[in-house]
């Protein structure tokens, strides 16, 4: 997902570098040197924005720089492997995303087991998706979309940012639960998919709210429903898909994990600081403006989310027969 440049520049400015100090692996002095936060995506998207925002806020609270390190490629597996094979001392962290939940079912062989080989630390935020269509399509509601798709099987296309992406599996979950045949068209990123959606080359997209929001406001896309369990504050008049497809839910979430074996006192310190950040009114306002919801809670809470999401999306991927590119 690529955010509007003005929003990204406004929200994701990096923290100024601070001097490093000798390493002491104790929670009362942690962090005593810069911390690396690895992401599996290119700069400019929602993962990069999330990492830079929370890296900046953690830097301010803990007095050390949190360096965002982008290692795209391999469906995030390159970055994941690098982070999970690092020393479990709290100085290499990883921004976990839904790819952690989808990749075990997508890839026949991985050099790690995400659930087994990580230490959950803190959930951060989640972005719901919004089902959007080209305005020229004679569809205004989710029931109308389902009816049209059933009357015209295989004639509607839905775009995504790539095979196995959160946008792809959200669409496949909808197809599975609504019992419709809509053809998936994979793009190399969300931006070209949106271009073709607005031009009419494809008709439907299950897109992250922050990406589609400017085009919805400009009348270039028509929203049919949001994929969260409650309405999005930035789209208060748009109903949830689950009103018409009971039990449907799909979101892009982010949180922090470390390699297996990070000391519990460091885990608790990072978790406490992340929850304190999420409790700040200014932070709540900034994130709400992007359409994000908060994921406060314990390390165990975030660990359970990862386990549940892995089970959920594994079923969808196997049902749809999705294979990586």
Protein backbone atom coordinates (compact mmCIF):
# COMPACT_ATOMS: atom_id res chain seq x y z
CA UNK A 1 0.00 0.00 0.00
CA UNK A 2 1.40 3.40 -1.01
CA UNK A 3 0.26 6.40 0.99
CA UNK A 4 -0.25 9.90 -0.42
CA UNK A 5 3.14 11.59 -0.31
CA UNK A 6 2.00 14.55 1.77
CA UNK A 7 0.57 12.23 4.44
CA UNK A 8 3.67 10.10 4.51
CA UNK A 9 6.01 13.08 4.81
CA UNK A 10 3.83 14.59 7.51
CA UNK A 11 3.53 11.47 9.61
CA UNK A 12 6.63 9.38 9.00
CA UNK A 13 9.57 11.73 9.42
CA UNK A 14 12.39 9.79 11.07
CA UNK A 15 13.74 10.59 14.48
CA UNK A 16 17.06 12.42 14.66
CA UNK A 17 20.05 10.19 15.27
CA UNK A 18 21.19 9.96 18.86
CA UNK A 19 24.64 8.91 20.08
CA UNK A 20 25.17 5.22 20.76
CA UNK A 21 26.21 3.88 24.14
CA UNK A 22 27.84 0.63 25.25
CA UNK A 23 25.53 -2.37 25.22
CA UNK A 24 24.19 -3.65 28.51
CA UNK A 25 21.66 -6.49 28.14
CA UNK A 26 19.45 -5.48 31.08
CA UNK A 27 15.97 -4.04 30.93
CA UNK A 28 16.78 -1.19 33.32
CA UNK A 29 19.40 0.14 30.88
CA UNK A 30 17.87 -1.15 27.62
CA UNK A 31 18.29 0.18 25.04
CA UNK A 32 21.87 1.33 25.50
CA UNK A 33 22.53 1.54 21.75
CA UNK A 34 20.44 1.92 18.56
CA UNK A 35 17.77 -0.68 17.84
CA UNK A 36 17.14 -1.99 14.32
CA UNK A 37 13.52 -2.47 13.26
CA UNK A 38 13.43 -4.58 10.10
CA UNK A 39 10.53 -4.46 7.62
CA UNK A 40 9.93 -6.65 4.58
CA UNK A 41 8.59 -3.91 2.33
CA UNK A 42 9.88 -1.00 0.26
CA UNK A 43 9.81 2.54 1.70
CA UNK A 44 6.67 4.62 1.26
CA UNK A 45 3.98 2.10 2.13
CA UNK A 46 1.93 1.45 5.24
CA UNK A 47 4.55 -0.88 6.77
CA UNK A 48 7.28 1.73 6.35
CA UNK A 49 5.01 4.46 7.71
CA UNK A 50 4.10 2.35 10.73
CA UNK A 51 7.70 1.42 11.46
CA UNK A 52 8.90 5.02 11.19
CA UNK A 53 6.10 6.44 13.29
CA UNK A 54 6.52 3.95 16.12
CA UNK A 55 10.29 3.99 15.76
CA UNK A 56 10.24 7.75 16.25
CA UNK A 57 7.90 7.53 19.23
CA UNK A 58 9.95 4.74 20.86
CA UNK A 59 13.13 6.73 20.29
CA UNK A 60 11.62 9.70 22.07
CA UNK A 61 10.50 7.60 25.02
CA UNK A 62 13.57 5.38 25.38
CA UNK A 63 16.36 7.78 24.42
CA UNK A 64 17.89 5.66 21.66
CA UNK A 65 17.42 5.65 17.93
CA UNK A 66 15.16 3.00 16.38
CA UNK A 67 16.54 2.51 12.87
CA UNK A 68 14.05 1.29 10.26
CA UNK A 69 15.75 -1.18 7.95
CA UNK A 70 13.90 -2.07 4.75
CA UNK A 71 14.67 -5.50 3.24
CA UNK A 72 12.03 -6.14 0.58
CA UNK A 73 11.80 -9.30 -1.50
CA UNK A 74 10.71 -12.90 -1.30
CA UNK A 75 7.24 -12.02 -0.07
CA UNK A 76 8.83 -10.53 3.10
CA UNK A 77 10.68 -13.81 3.76
CA UNK A 78 14.12 -12.25 3.26
CA UNK A 79 13.51 -9.70 5.99
CA UNK A 80 11.80 -12.22 8.25
CA UNK A 81 14.70 -14.67 8.06
CA UNK A 82 17.24 -11.93 8.76
CA UNK A 83 15.33 -10.75 11.82
CA UNK A 84 14.63 -14.19 13.23
CA UNK A 85 18.25 -15.30 12.89
CA UNK A 86 19.56 -12.22 14.72
CA UNK A 87 20.76 -12.30 18.32
CA UNK A 88 17.75 -12.33 20.71
CA UNK A 89 18.96 -9.33 22.68
CA UNK A 90 16.25 -6.82 21.81
CA UNK A 91 18.45 -4.86 19.41
CA UNK A 92 16.99 -6.45 16.26
CA UNK A 93 13.21 -6.34 16.02
CA UNK A 94 10.80 -7.13 13.20
CA UNK A 95 7.59 -5.42 12.09
CA UNK A 96 5.19 -8.34 11.71
CA UNK A 97 2.39 -8.04 9.16
CA UNK A 98 -0.27 -10.34 7.67
CA UNK A 99 2.42 -11.85 5.43
CA UNK A 100 3.59 -13.68 8.56
CA UNK A 101 0.19 -15.37 8.63
CA UNK A 102 -0.19 -16.07 4.91
CA UNK A 103 3.33 -17.20 3.98
CA UNK A 104 3.25 -20.56 5.82
CA UNK A 105 0.43 -21.67 3.51
CA UNK A 106 1.78 -19.93 0.41
CA UNK A 107 5.34 -21.28 0.45
CA UNK A 108 6.09 -24.99 0.48
CA UNK A 109 9.43 -24.50 2.23
CA UNK A 110 10.58 -21.73 4.57
CA UNK A 111 13.79 -21.53 6.57
CA UNK A 112 11.84 -20.62 9.68
CA UNK A 113 8.59 -21.23 11.50
CA UNK A 114 7.26 -17.78 12.33
CA UNK A 115 5.21 -18.77 15.35
CA UNK A 116 7.89 -21.08 16.77
CA UNK A 117 10.85 -18.82 16.07
CA UNK A 118 9.56 -15.44 17.27
CA UNK A 119 8.98 -13.65 20.55
CA UNK A 120 5.75 -11.62 20.32
CA UNK A 121 6.25 -8.17 21.84
CA UNK A 122 3.41 -5.77 21.02
CA UNK A 123 0.52 -5.27 18.66
CA UNK A 124 0.42 -1.78 17.17
CA UNK A 125 -2.32 -0.99 14.65
CA UNK A 126 -4.59 -2.46 12.03
CA UNK A 127 -6.06 -1.02 8.85
CA UNK A 128 -9.39 -2.31 7.61
CA UNK A 129 -9.97 -2.77 3.90
CA UNK A 130 -12.74 -1.14 1.94
CA UNK A 131 -14.51 -2.76 -0.98
CA UNK A 132 -14.41 -0.20 -3.78
CA UNK A 133 -15.71 -0.26 -7.34
CA UNK A 134 -15.38 1.89 -10.41
CA UNK A 135 -18.24 4.44 -10.28
CA UNK A 136 -19.43 3.43 -13.75
CA UNK A 137 -20.30 -0.03 -12.47
CA UNK A 138 -24.05 -0.20 -11.67
CA UNK A 139 -23.36 -1.47 -8.15
CA UNK A 140 -23.88 0.57 -4.97
CA UNK A 141 -24.05 -1.99 -2.15
CA UNK A 142 -22.55 -5.31 -1.09
CA UNK A 143 -25.85 -7.14 -1.78
CA UNK A 144 -25.87 -5.65 -5.28
CA UNK A 145 -22.27 -6.80 -5.79
CA UNK A 146 -23.16 -10.34 -4.73
CA UNK A 147 -26.27 -10.39 -6.92
CA UNK A 148 -24.39 -9.03 -9.95
CA UNK A 149 -21.54 -11.52 -9.50
CA UNK A 150 -23.98 -14.44 -9.22
CA UNK A 151 -25.87 -13.29 -12.31
CA UNK A 152 -22.62 -12.79 -14.23
CA UNK A 153 -20.20 -15.48 -12.99
CA UNK A 154 -16.60 -14.86 -14.01
CA UNK A 155 -17.34 -11.50 -15.66
CA UNK A 156 -16.25 -9.27 -12.78
CA UNK A 157 -12.54 -8.81 -12.01
CA UNK A 158 -11.01 -7.78 -8.70
CA UNK A 159 -7.54 -6.28 -8.52
CA UNK A 160 -4.92 -6.78 -5.83
CA UNK A 161 -1.36 -5.73 -5.08
CA UNK A 162 -0.08 -9.23 -5.78
CA UNK A 163 -0.67 -12.94 -5.37
CA UNK A 164 -1.05 -13.81 -1.71
CA UNK A 165 -1.22 -10.16 -0.62
CA UNK A 166 -3.69 -9.07 2.04
CA UNK A 167 -5.78 -7.48 -0.71
CA UNK A 168 -5.84 -10.77 -2.62
CA UNK A 169 -6.79 -13.02 0.29
CA UNK A 170 -9.44 -10.53 1.44
CA UNK A 171 -11.09 -10.92 -1.96
CA UNK A 172 -10.77 -14.69 -1.89
CA UNK A 173 -12.35 -14.82 1.56
CA UNK A 174 -15.27 -12.77 0.22
CA UNK A 175 -15.66 -15.10 -2.76
CA UNK A 176 -15.58 -18.13 -0.49
CA UNK A 177 -18.10 -16.80 2.03
CA UNK A 178 -20.45 -15.11 -0.46
CA UNK A 179 -20.33 -17.99 -2.96
CA UNK A 180 -19.44 -15.84 -5.96
CA UNK A 181 -17.09 -16.19 -8.93
CA UNK A 182 -15.02 -13.01 -9.35
CA UNK A 183 -11.73 -13.28 -11.25
CA UNK A 184 -8.56 -12.17 -9.49
CA UNK A 185 -6.12 -9.92 -11.37
CA UNK A 186 -2.73 -9.58 -9.64
CA UNK A 187 -0.66 -6.41 -9.99
CA UNK A 188 2.84 -5.62 -8.80
CA UNK A 189 1.72 -3.23 -6.10
CA UNK A 190 -1.43 -1.45 -5.06
CA UNK A 191 -0.77 1.76 -7.02
CA UNK A 192 -1.04 0.26 -10.54
CA UNK A 193 -4.07 -1.74 -9.42
CA UNK A 194 -5.83 1.45 -8.35
CA UNK A 195 -4.95 3.14 -11.65
CA UNK A 196 -6.61 0.35 -13.61
CA UNK A 197 -9.59 0.31 -11.24
CA UNK A 198 -10.22 4.00 -11.79
CA UNK A 199 -9.78 3.61 -15.55
CA UNK A 200 -12.27 0.75 -15.65
CA UNK A 201 -9.89 -2.03 -16.71
CA UNK A 202 -10.88 -3.86 -13.52
CA UNK A 203 -14.07 -3.34 -11.59
CA UNK A 204 -13.55 -4.21 -7.90
CA UNK A 205 -10.81 -3.96 -5.30
CA UNK A 206 -10.47 -4.86 -1.62
CA UNK A 207 -8.10 -2.04 -0.74
CA UNK A 208 -6.65 -0.64 2.48
CA UNK A 209 -8.74 2.30 3.68
CA UNK A 210 -5.87 4.87 3.79
CA UNK A 211 -4.98 4.24 0.13
CA UNK A 212 -8.49 4.47 -1.28
CA UNK A 213 -9.74 7.26 0.97
CA UNK A 214 -8.53 10.22 -1.16
CA UNK A 215 -10.10 8.71 -4.29
CA UNK A 216 -13.34 7.97 -2.49
CA UNK A 217 -13.53 11.59 -1.33
CA UNK A 218 -12.79 12.76 -4.89
CA UNK A 219 -15.59 10.60 -6.29
CA UNK A 220 -13.22 8.46 -8.33
CA UNK A 221 -14.09 5.28 -6.39
CA UNK A 222 -17.37 4.12 -4.87
CA UNK A 223 -17.15 2.40 -1.46
CA UNK A 224 -19.49 -0.52 -0.81
CA UNK A 225 -18.38 -1.76 2.59
CA UNK A 226 -15.51 -1.87 5.06
CA UNK A 227 -14.04 -5.21 6.08
CA UNK A 228 -13.63 -4.56 9.81
CA UNK A 229 -16.12 -5.61 12.47
CA UNK A 230 -17.19 -1.99 13.03
CA UNK A 231 -17.57 1.01 10.74
CA UNK A 232 -14.46 3.03 10.01
CA UNK A 233 -14.44 6.48 11.60
CA UNK A 234 -13.13 8.02 8.37
CA UNK A 235 -15.99 6.39 6.40
CA UNK A 236 -18.89 6.62 8.87
CA UNK A 237 -21.60 6.20 6.22
CA UNK A 238 -20.13 3.01 4.75
CA UNK A 239 -21.53 -0.22 6.28
CA UNK A 240 -19.44 -3.25 7.21
CA UNK A 241 -19.34 -6.20 4.83
CA UNK A 242 -20.31 -8.49 7.72
CA UNK A 243 -23.76 -6.87 7.76
CA UNK A 244 -24.41 -8.85 4.57
CA UNK A 245 -21.81 -11.64 4.79
CA UNK A 246 -21.93 -12.66 8.47
CA UNK A 247 -18.54 -13.34 10.00
CA UNK A 248 -16.54 -11.67 7.24
CA UNK A 249 -13.49 -9.69 8.45
CA UNK A 250 -10.16 -8.79 6.86
CA UNK A 251 -7.55 -6.28 8.04
CA UNK A 252 -3.91 -5.40 7.56
CA UNK A 253 -2.25 -5.42 10.98
CA UNK A 254 1.20 -4.54 12.29
CA UNK A 255 3.07 -5.35 15.47
CA UNK A 256 6.55 -5.94 16.81
CA UNK A 257 8.24 -9.28 17.37
CA UNK A 258 11.80 -10.33 18.10
CA UNK A 259 13.75 -13.54 17.56
CA UNK A 260 12.91 -16.38 19.90
CA UNK A 261 14.53 -15.89 23.30
CA UNK A 262 14.37 -12.12 23.83
CA UNK A 263 14.64 -11.64 27.62
CA UNK A 264 11.19 -11.30 29.24
CA UNK A 265 12.08 -8.07 31.03
CA UNK A 266 13.01 -6.43 27.71
CA UNK A 267 9.82 -7.76 26.11
CA UNK A 268 7.75 -6.29 28.93
CA UNK A 269 9.54 -2.95 28.71
CA UNK A 270 8.93 -2.64 24.98
CA UNK A 271 5.33 -3.77 25.37
CA UNK A 272 4.73 -1.24 28.15
CA UNK A 273 6.17 1.60 26.04
CA UNK A 274 4.17 0.59 22.95
CA UNK A 275 0.93 0.57 24.97
CA UNK A 276 1.81 3.94 26.48
CA UNK A 277 2.27 5.35 22.98
CA UNK A 278 -1.10 3.97 21.88
CA UNK A 279 -2.73 5.63 24.89
CA UNK A 280 -1.54 9.14 23.98
CA UNK A 281 -4.38 11.34 22.62
CA UNK A 282 -2.20 12.87 19.90
CA UNK A 283 -1.20 9.44 18.65
CA UNK A 284 -4.80 8.27 18.62
CA UNK A 285 -5.77 11.29 16.54
CA UNK A 286 -2.93 10.86 14.03
CA UNK A 287 -3.67 7.19 13.51
CA UNK A 288 -7.43 7.71 13.34
CA UNK A 289 -6.88 10.25 10.55
CA UNK A 290 -5.31 7.42 8.54
CA UNK A 291 -8.20 5.07 9.24
CA UNK A 292 -6.17 2.88 11.61
CA UNK A 293 -7.43 1.13 14.72
CA UNK A 294 -5.24 0.42 17.74
CA UNK A 295 -3.97 -2.97 18.95
CA UNK A 296 -3.01 -2.49 22.59
CA UNK A 297 -2.49 -5.52 24.79
CA UNK A 298 0.04 -7.99 26.16
CA UNK A 299 2.69 -9.94 24.22
CA UNK A 300 0.44 -12.98 24.58
CA UNK A 301 -2.46 -11.07 23.06
CA UNK A 302 -0.40 -10.28 19.97
CA UNK A 303 0.90 -13.84 19.80
CA UNK A 304 -2.67 -15.17 19.80
CA UNK A 305 -3.62 -12.79 16.99
CA UNK A 306 -0.76 -14.15 14.86
CA UNK A 307 -1.80 -17.75 15.56
CA UNK A 308 -5.46 -17.05 14.76
CA UNK A 309 -4.63 -15.14 11.58
CA UNK A 310 -2.30 -17.92 10.42
CA UNK A 311 -5.05 -20.49 10.83
CA UNK A 312 -7.68 -18.28 9.18
CA UNK A 313 -5.72 -17.29 6.09
CA UNK A 314 -4.21 -20.74 5.70
CA UNK A 315 -7.72 -22.10 5.19
CA UNK A 316 -8.51 -19.40 2.61
CA UNK A 317 -5.27 -19.95 0.68
CA UNK A 318 -5.75 -23.72 0.57
CA UNK A 319 -9.42 -23.39 -0.42
CA UNK A 320 -8.59 -20.96 -3.25
CA UNK A 321 -5.50 -22.93 -4.33
CA UNK A 322 -3.30 -19.84 -4.21
CA UNK A 323 0.33 -20.37 -5.23
CA UNK A 324 3.17 -17.81 -4.99
CA UNK A 325 4.44 -16.13 -8.14
